[in-house]
Amino acid sequence: MRRNLSRRNFLKSVGVGAAAAGLAPYAPLIGSTPRKAAAQDNASYRMAFIQFMPHTVPAAWSTGIEEVLTTQANISYELLDGQGRPDVQIGLMENLINQGVNAIFLQPVDSVALGPSIAAARDAGIPVITLNIDAVEPHAVHVEMNHYFGAVAIGQAMGELMGGSGKVAILNAPPGIIIRDQRTNGFLEGLAQFPDIQVVADQSAEWDRRRAQEVLAAMLAADPEITGVYGVNDSMALGAVDVAKSNGVLENMVIFGNDGEIAALESIEAGELTGTQYTDVFQQGRFAASIAASLIRGGVAAGAVTRQGRVLMPYTIVTADNVGTIQPNQRW
């Protein structure tokens, strides 16, 4: 193997081999339940990812998943659209279970509503790996950035950049999703270090840039003294940038997003968005795929996983000071 092989190509080339190392810290998850016989090398496998809805984040996960799985000719993979609706995801889960797929990647629309479907998959021997949005029903593995502590760091950074005083609005996610609470409560904890900063508005903008424009415009009409905005994802934060620019107040605003998508990084470089929490979403997908491949090719039955694994990806709070450190091949 060439010494200058890139990290991305390394993960692609070693495939399941890398997965064995990636899964090693989670070996205690495998209980005493007997395993299925080890899978034969000439067997064929099928995996599917049910995304929340089409968006840059699940698209990047899917790219990372494909980079690992397509190096293995006997594993087929497909991406399915959950359309932002729990009932659609439940129907897709039922179809995949009936078809006997070998592994399911899932970004649940509702962390509770998808529980029975996850349990049904487990009972059918199909491991479920969730991406970024966890579910209340235990499953094989959850892969995510550290939502809570990353949001704490965002709150601290925003408080410092606001000079320790002012009014803040939160453009939030819809209720029913675990990361809404993680990203909100973490942010509030970080901001609590600044008693002269007041959160005056907190409303769902449904993960959407255009909806965020409408919500923030109404918030500013009600309270023009808002000078800080936290978008629980980058799309909503970029909607806030749009409103601040159109109102001529961008220079007076501190606006943070969350996720680190390429449009947010470019906005930071342009001097518009103040900052975001960045994680390498391609890597999330690669690790998820490697773990799934290890489980199914190692013959590990879903029921043998007695304690849900959790993989926390590293994050960086990105502002104008360090955005240049995110390399082109890390931008999604």
Protein backbone atom coordinates (compact mmCIF):
# COMPACT_ATOMS: atom_id res chain seq x y z
CA MET A 1 0.00 0.00 0.00
CA ARG A 2 1.36 3.42 -0.93
CA ARG A 3 2.35 5.58 2.02
CA ASN A 4 0.70 8.65 0.51
CA LEU A 5 -2.70 7.02 0.17
CA SER A 6 -5.33 9.52 1.31
CA ARG A 7 -7.55 8.87 4.35
CA ARG A 8 -10.62 8.66 2.11
CA ASN A 9 -9.05 6.18 -0.31
CA PHE A 10 -7.66 4.18 2.58
CA LEU A 11 -11.13 3.67 4.01
CA LYS A 12 -12.46 2.78 0.57
CA SER A 13 -9.70 0.30 -0.17
CA VAL A 14 -9.68 -1.62 3.08
CA GLY A 15 -13.48 -1.75 3.36
CA VAL A 16 -14.43 -4.46 5.81
CA GLY A 17 -10.88 -4.73 7.07
CA ALA A 18 -11.12 -1.19 8.39
CA ALA A 19 -14.48 -2.02 9.83
CA ALA A 20 -13.01 -4.65 12.09
CA ALA A 21 -10.80 -2.00 13.68
CA GLY A 22 -13.64 0.52 13.77
CA LEU A 23 -15.92 -1.94 15.51
CA ALA A 24 -13.31 -3.18 17.98
CA PRO A 25 -14.24 -0.72 20.76
CA TYR A 26 -17.80 -2.04 20.54
CA ALA A 27 -16.92 -5.74 20.91
CA PRO A 28 -18.60 -5.84 24.36
CA LEU A 29 -21.87 -5.06 22.59
CA ILE A 30 -21.93 -8.63 21.29
CA GLY A 31 -23.54 -10.73 24.01
CA SER A 32 -23.58 -14.44 24.62
CA THR A 33 -26.39 -15.08 22.14
CA PRO A 34 -25.10 -17.63 19.60
CA ARG A 35 -24.01 -16.11 16.34
CA LYS A 36 -25.16 -17.25 12.93
CA ALA A 37 -22.68 -19.28 10.97
CA ALA A 38 -20.02 -17.09 9.42
CA ALA A 39 -21.15 -15.73 6.07
CA GLN A 40 -19.73 -17.36 2.95
CA ASP A 41 -17.46 -15.27 0.76
CA ASN A 42 -19.64 -15.93 -2.28
CA ALA A 43 -22.86 -14.83 -0.56
CA SER A 44 -24.62 -11.67 -1.73
CA TYR A 45 -25.98 -8.98 0.55
CA ARG A 46 -28.35 -6.06 0.30
CA MET A 47 -28.37 -2.85 2.34
CA ALA A 48 -30.58 0.25 2.18
CA PHE A 49 -30.56 3.72 3.69
CA ILE A 50 -33.90 5.39 4.50
CA GLN A 51 -33.10 9.09 4.66
CA PHE A 52 -35.18 11.74 6.43
CA MET A 53 -35.68 13.67 3.19
CA PRO A 54 -33.41 14.79 0.32
CA HIS A 55 -30.81 17.14 1.80
CA THR A 56 -27.07 17.74 1.63
CA VAL A 57 -26.50 15.89 4.94
CA PRO A 58 -28.04 12.50 4.04
CA ALA A 59 -26.61 12.84 0.54
CA ALA A 60 -23.14 13.05 2.05
CA TRP A 61 -23.82 10.08 4.34
CA SER A 62 -24.95 8.10 1.32
CA THR A 63 -21.78 9.02 -0.56
CA GLY A 64 -19.66 7.79 2.34
CA ILE A 65 -21.67 4.57 2.59
CA GLU A 66 -21.30 3.92 -1.13
CA GLU A 67 -17.55 4.55 -1.06
CA VAL A 68 -17.13 1.59 1.27
CA LEU A 69 -19.82 -0.76 -0.07
CA THR A 70 -19.11 -0.38 -3.78
CA THR A 71 -15.59 -1.76 -3.27
CA GLN A 72 -17.26 -5.05 -2.33
CA ALA A 73 -18.90 -6.58 -5.38
CA ASN A 74 -21.29 -8.80 -3.41
CA ILE A 75 -23.04 -5.98 -1.51
CA SER A 76 -25.80 -3.98 -3.21
CA TYR A 77 -27.01 -0.66 -1.82
CA GLU A 78 -29.92 1.72 -2.38
CA LEU A 79 -31.00 5.11 -1.01
CA LEU A 80 -34.71 5.56 -0.19
CA ASP A 81 -36.59 8.80 0.47
CA GLY A 82 -38.51 9.11 3.74
CA GLN A 83 -40.15 12.35 2.48
CA GLY A 84 -39.91 13.87 5.97
CA ARG A 85 -42.84 11.68 7.10
CA PRO A 86 -42.82 8.96 9.77
CA ASP A 87 -45.55 6.98 8.01
CA VAL A 88 -43.49 6.86 4.82
CA GLN A 89 -40.42 5.66 6.70
CA ILE A 90 -42.50 3.05 8.55
CA GLY A 91 -43.82 1.75 5.22
CA LEU A 92 -40.31 1.59 3.76
CA MET A 93 -39.04 -0.24 6.84
CA GLU A 94 -41.83 -2.79 6.51
CA ASN A 95 -41.01 -3.35 2.84
CA LEU A 96 -37.29 -3.83 3.52
CA ILE A 97 -37.99 -6.25 6.37
CA ASN A 98 -40.35 -8.29 4.16
CA GLN A 99 -37.73 -8.33 1.41
CA GLY A 100 -35.16 -9.70 3.84
CA VAL A 101 -32.44 -7.06 3.45
CA ASN A 102 -29.28 -7.64 5.45
CA ALA A 103 -28.87 -4.20 7.05
CA ILE A 104 -30.79 -0.92 7.23
CA PHE A 105 -29.33 2.57 7.68
CA LEU A 106 -31.92 4.98 9.06
CA GLN A 107 -32.25 8.69 9.75
CA PRO A 108 -35.56 8.64 11.66
CA VAL A 109 -38.07 11.44 11.11
CA ASP A 110 -39.55 10.72 14.55
CA SER A 111 -37.35 9.13 17.22
CA VAL A 112 -40.34 7.48 18.91
CA ALA A 113 -42.64 6.61 16.02
CA LEU A 114 -39.98 4.52 14.26
CA GLY A 115 -39.40 2.43 17.39
CA PRO A 116 -41.75 -0.47 16.52
CA SER A 117 -40.25 -0.70 13.02
CA ILE A 118 -36.73 -0.86 14.46
CA ALA A 119 -37.86 -3.59 16.87
CA ALA A 120 -39.43 -5.52 13.98
CA ALA A 121 -36.17 -5.33 12.05
CA ARG A 122 -34.22 -6.58 15.05
CA ASP A 123 -36.67 -9.45 15.53
CA ALA A 124 -36.15 -10.35 11.87
CA GLY A 125 -32.39 -10.47 12.42
CA ILE A 126 -31.69 -7.22 10.53
CA PRO A 127 -29.28 -4.77 12.19
CA VAL A 128 -30.36 -1.12 12.10
CA ILE A 129 -27.74 1.64 12.14
CA THR A 130 -29.05 5.15 12.75
CA LEU A 131 -27.26 8.23 11.46
CA ASN A 132 -27.18 11.48 13.46
CA ILE A 133 -30.77 11.18 14.70
CA ASP A 134 -31.09 8.48 17.36
CA ALA A 135 -34.21 6.46 18.17
CA VAL A 136 -35.62 5.49 21.55
CA GLU A 137 -35.78 1.83 20.52
CA PRO A 138 -32.40 0.10 21.03
CA HIS A 139 -30.68 -1.01 17.84
CA ALA A 140 -27.25 -2.07 16.65
CA VAL A 141 -25.29 1.20 16.40
CA HIS A 142 -25.84 4.95 16.31
CA VAL A 143 -23.31 7.15 14.48
CA GLU A 144 -23.39 10.89 15.10
CA MET A 145 -21.47 14.06 15.83
CA ASN A 146 -21.58 15.05 19.48
CA HIS A 147 -24.71 17.18 19.29
CA TYR A 148 -24.92 18.23 22.92
CA PHE A 149 -21.35 19.26 23.62
CA GLY A 150 -20.95 20.75 20.16
CA ALA A 151 -23.98 22.93 20.89
CA VAL A 152 -22.47 23.89 24.25
CA ALA A 153 -19.41 25.11 22.37
CA ILE A 154 -21.61 27.07 19.93
CA GLY A 155 -23.36 28.79 22.85
CA GLN A 156 -20.03 29.73 24.39
CA ALA A 157 -18.67 31.06 21.09
CA MET A 158 -21.82 33.07 20.39
CA GLY A 159 -21.79 34.59 23.88
CA GLU A 160 -18.20 35.71 23.49
CA LEU A 161 -18.76 37.17 20.02
CA MET A 162 -21.84 39.04 21.25
CA GLY A 163 -19.72 40.64 23.95
CA GLY A 164 -21.67 38.92 26.70
CA SER A 165 -24.96 40.78 26.21
CA GLY A 166 -27.90 40.99 23.84
CA LYS A 167 -30.96 39.09 22.65
CA VAL A 168 -30.92 35.71 20.89
CA ALA A 169 -33.44 33.86 18.74
CA ILE A 170 -33.39 30.10 18.08
CA LEU A 171 -34.55 28.68 14.75
CA ASN A 172 -35.35 25.17 15.89
CA ALA A 173 -36.24 21.74 14.55
CA PRO A 174 -39.74 20.27 14.83
CA PRO A 175 -40.52 18.43 18.08
CA GLY A 176 -40.19 14.66 18.32
CA ILE A 177 -36.54 14.41 17.29
CA ILE A 178 -33.87 13.68 19.88
CA ILE A 179 -31.27 16.00 18.38
CA ARG A 180 -33.65 18.96 18.73
CA ASP A 181 -33.31 18.62 22.50
CA GLN A 182 -29.58 17.86 22.39
CA ARG A 183 -28.74 20.83 20.18
CA THR A 184 -31.07 23.20 22.03
CA ASN A 185 -30.21 22.23 25.60
CA GLY A 186 -26.49 22.18 24.87
CA PHE A 187 -26.68 25.63 23.33
CA LEU A 188 -28.58 26.99 26.33
CA GLU A 189 -26.00 25.52 28.69
CA GLY A 190 -23.16 27.21 26.81
CA LEU A 191 -25.04 30.50 26.68
CA ALA A 192 -25.82 30.33 30.41
CA GLN A 193 -22.29 31.57 31.11
CA PHE A 194 -23.49 34.97 29.90
CA PRO A 195 -26.32 36.13 32.19
CA ASP A 196 -26.80 39.35 30.21
CA ILE A 197 -27.79 37.43 27.07
CA GLN A 198 -31.49 36.65 26.86
CA VAL A 199 -33.17 34.07 24.59
CA VAL A 200 -36.30 35.90 23.48
CA ALA A 201 -37.65 33.56 20.80
CA ASP A 202 -37.51 29.83 20.02
CA GLN A 203 -39.57 28.52 17.11
CA SER A 204 -39.41 25.67 14.63
CA ALA A 205 -38.37 26.56 11.10
CA GLU A 206 -38.70 22.92 10.00
CA TRP A 207 -35.02 22.49 8.99
CA ASP A 208 -35.75 24.68 5.94
CA ARG A 209 -33.99 27.82 4.67
CA ARG A 210 -37.08 29.47 3.23
CA ARG A 211 -39.17 28.73 6.31
CA ALA A 212 -36.36 30.16 8.47
CA GLN A 213 -36.56 33.40 6.48
CA GLU A 214 -40.25 33.69 7.28
CA VAL A 215 -39.84 32.83 10.96
CA LEU A 216 -36.93 35.18 11.61
CA ALA A 217 -38.58 38.04 9.73
CA ALA A 218 -41.54 37.75 12.10
CA MET A 219 -39.24 37.52 15.11
CA LEU A 220 -37.36 40.68 14.12
CA ALA A 221 -40.62 42.52 13.48
CA ALA A 222 -41.67 41.66 17.03
CA ASP A 223 -38.27 42.45 18.56
CA PRO A 224 -35.81 44.44 16.41
CA GLU A 225 -33.18 44.23 19.17
CA ILE A 226 -32.36 40.59 18.38
CA THR A 227 -28.65 40.45 17.52
CA GLY A 228 -27.92 36.73 17.84
CA VAL A 229 -29.47 33.82 15.94
CA TYR A 230 -28.82 30.11 16.40
CA GLY A 231 -30.00 27.85 13.59
CA VAL A 232 -30.19 24.25 14.78
CA ASN A 233 -29.03 23.29 11.28
CA ASP A 234 -27.12 25.22 8.63
CA SER A 235 -30.08 25.60 6.28
CA MET A 236 -32.00 27.57 8.92
CA ALA A 237 -28.91 29.60 9.82
CA LEU A 238 -28.43 30.52 6.16
CA GLY A 239 -32.07 31.61 6.05
CA ALA A 240 -31.24 33.92 8.95
CA VAL A 241 -28.30 35.33 6.97
CA ASP A 242 -30.67 36.05 4.08
CA VAL A 243 -33.02 38.03 6.33
CA ALA A 244 -30.21 39.93 8.06
CA LYS A 245 -28.77 40.93 4.66
CA SER A 246 -32.14 42.06 3.30
CA ASN A 247 -32.78 44.10 6.47
CA GLY A 248 -29.33 45.67 6.35
CA VAL A 249 -28.37 44.41 9.81
CA LEU A 250 -25.96 41.58 8.99
CA GLU A 251 -22.96 43.48 10.37
CA ASN A 252 -24.70 43.72 13.74
CA MET A 253 -25.72 40.05 13.90
CA VAL A 254 -23.97 36.94 15.23
CA ILE A 255 -25.43 33.91 13.43
CA PHE A 256 -24.41 30.30 14.03
CA GLY A 257 -25.51 27.13 12.29
CA ASN A 258 -24.91 23.46 12.94
CA ASP A 259 -23.63 20.59 10.71
CA GLY A 260 -20.91 22.23 8.60
CA GLU A 261 -22.28 21.81 5.08
CA ILE A 262 -20.36 23.41 2.21
CA ALA A 263 -22.84 26.27 1.75
CA ALA A 264 -22.30 27.25 5.39
CA LEU A 265 -18.51 27.13 5.05
CA GLU A 266 -18.67 29.29 1.92
CA SER A 267 -20.94 31.77 3.72
CA ILE A 268 -18.41 32.01 6.56
CA GLU A 269 -15.64 32.62 4.02
CA ALA A 270 -17.77 35.36 2.45
CA GLY A 271 -18.04 37.12 5.82
CA GLU A 272 -21.77 36.41 6.24
CA LEU A 273 -22.49 33.42 8.52
CA THR A 274 -20.56 33.75 11.78
CA GLY A 275 -19.92 30.07 12.42
CA THR A 276 -21.10 26.48 12.55
CA GLN A 277 -20.32 23.13 14.10
CA TYR A 278 -18.56 21.07 11.44
CA THR A 279 -18.13 17.32 11.24
CA ASP A 280 -16.99 15.15 8.33
CA VAL A 281 -20.29 13.60 7.26
CA PHE A 282 -18.57 11.51 4.59
CA GLN A 283 -16.72 9.81 7.43
CA GLN A 284 -19.97 9.18 9.30
CA GLY A 285 -21.25 7.28 6.29
CA ARG A 286 -18.00 5.34 5.86
CA PHE A 287 -17.96 4.22 9.48
CA ALA A 288 -21.63 3.24 9.36
CA ALA A 289 -21.05 1.16 6.22
CA SER A 290 -17.92 -0.47 7.63
CA ILE A 291 -19.73 -1.46 10.82
CA ALA A 292 -22.69 -2.86 8.90
CA ALA A 293 -20.41 -4.87 6.63
CA SER A 294 -18.55 -6.24 9.65
CA LEU A 295 -21.79 -7.33 11.28
CA ILE A 296 -23.34 -9.10 8.32
CA ARG A 297 -20.18 -10.67 6.90
CA GLY A 298 -19.13 -11.75 10.35
CA GLY A 299 -22.47 -13.52 10.79
CA VAL A 300 -23.49 -11.42 13.81
CA ALA A 301 -27.24 -11.71 14.30
CA ALA A 302 -29.09 -8.50 15.19
CA GLY A 303 -30.38 -10.14 18.36
CA ALA A 304 -26.82 -10.84 19.49
CA VAL A 305 -26.16 -7.14 19.99
CA THR A 306 -27.20 -6.75 23.61
CA ARG A 307 -26.21 -3.11 24.11
CA GLN A 308 -26.50 -0.38 21.49
CA GLY A 309 -23.21 0.94 20.21
CA ARG A 310 -22.53 4.65 19.77
CA VAL A 311 -19.89 6.24 17.55
CA LEU A 312 -19.27 9.93 18.24
CA MET A 313 -17.52 11.70 15.38
CA PRO A 314 -15.20 14.61 16.20
CA TYR A 315 -16.40 18.15 15.56
CA THR A 316 -14.90 21.59 15.07
CA ILE A 317 -16.50 24.96 15.79
CA VAL A 318 -15.72 26.76 12.55
CA THR A 319 -15.52 30.56 12.23
CA ALA A 320 -13.65 32.89 9.89
CA ASP A 321 -10.49 32.20 11.91
CA ASN A 322 -10.26 28.51 11.01
CA VAL A 323 -12.61 27.80 8.09
CA GLY A 324 -9.60 27.49 5.77
CA THR A 325 -8.49 24.36 7.63
CA ILE A 326 -11.45 22.39 6.23
CA GLN A 327 -9.96 20.87 3.09
CA PRO A 328 -11.84 20.58 -0.23
CA ASN A 329 -12.16 16.79 0.03
CA GLN A 330 -13.71 17.19 3.50
CA ARG A 331 -16.46 19.54 2.31
CA TRP A 332 -19.85 18.05 1.62
